[in-house]
């Protein structure tokens, strides 16, 4: 009379199963078998995730497409049919693997995300959430693929992850002299009138610099002021050697927390529209 309901996955049917799928199914099967041995009725429903970007990319590779425009030229309906055929092919391979490892699962009555019955259930569930006031409209930052023209899940971003050389730059942000008056840099204020002082920053995303609005410091890290030619540079003491300033005399040292509140000149002076019309 007791029930322990198990709905699998569902795995995304965009490729042949691998050894890691065998391992994950082993764990699932052990739990379900244990519950059965303890007297539970355990419905074990198979499922297939047939939607999403991975399936489309698999078919694009098969057809030799390199852009989304080629899908439109090929025909959306025809492309969708190819996706269904691709999914069906891999489902058969999954079924064979399931039987070979003796995995207990109801393969004859699976739920499949492309079936209208499943899609209707999703809309029904969304309606229930809406009626209960559990759905709201808001904003969420997500990775976006300009080539695919869609947002990406964290899993999709991790696919094909590689370590590559990436451009990075060191940037100087000039301090405004008046902002140092209440900081440990105050004794150097008069010098700053004649020699500019800069906060030294490093970034791997130089294309974001036009929109820069703030710099961050590590509160408990030590920062150093180093005189270089006709200017002062403020940077983390631990990085002096890394940036080639290890032999320079340190004029002043302080904690990052003591730099909070300093002002610096923006890299770019870009007018910002405010309000509408004559406001």
Foldseek 3Di string as FASTA:
>chain_A
DAADEAEDDADELLDADDPVVVVVLVVVQVVQVVVVVVPHDYAAAHEYELDDDSLLVSLCVVVVHDAPVVCVVVPVVVSVVSSVVSSVVRLVNVVVVCVVSVRDHDPPDHYYCVDPVNVVVVVVVVVVCVVVVNDDDDDDDFDADPRVGGGDDPVVVCVPDDDDDADKDKDWFWFDLVQCCQFPCNVCSVLCVFAIETEIDMDRCVVCQLVDDDDDFDQAFKWFWFDDDRHIYIGTPVCCVVVPNVPTDTPDMDGRNRCPRIDTDRPDDDDDDDDDDPD
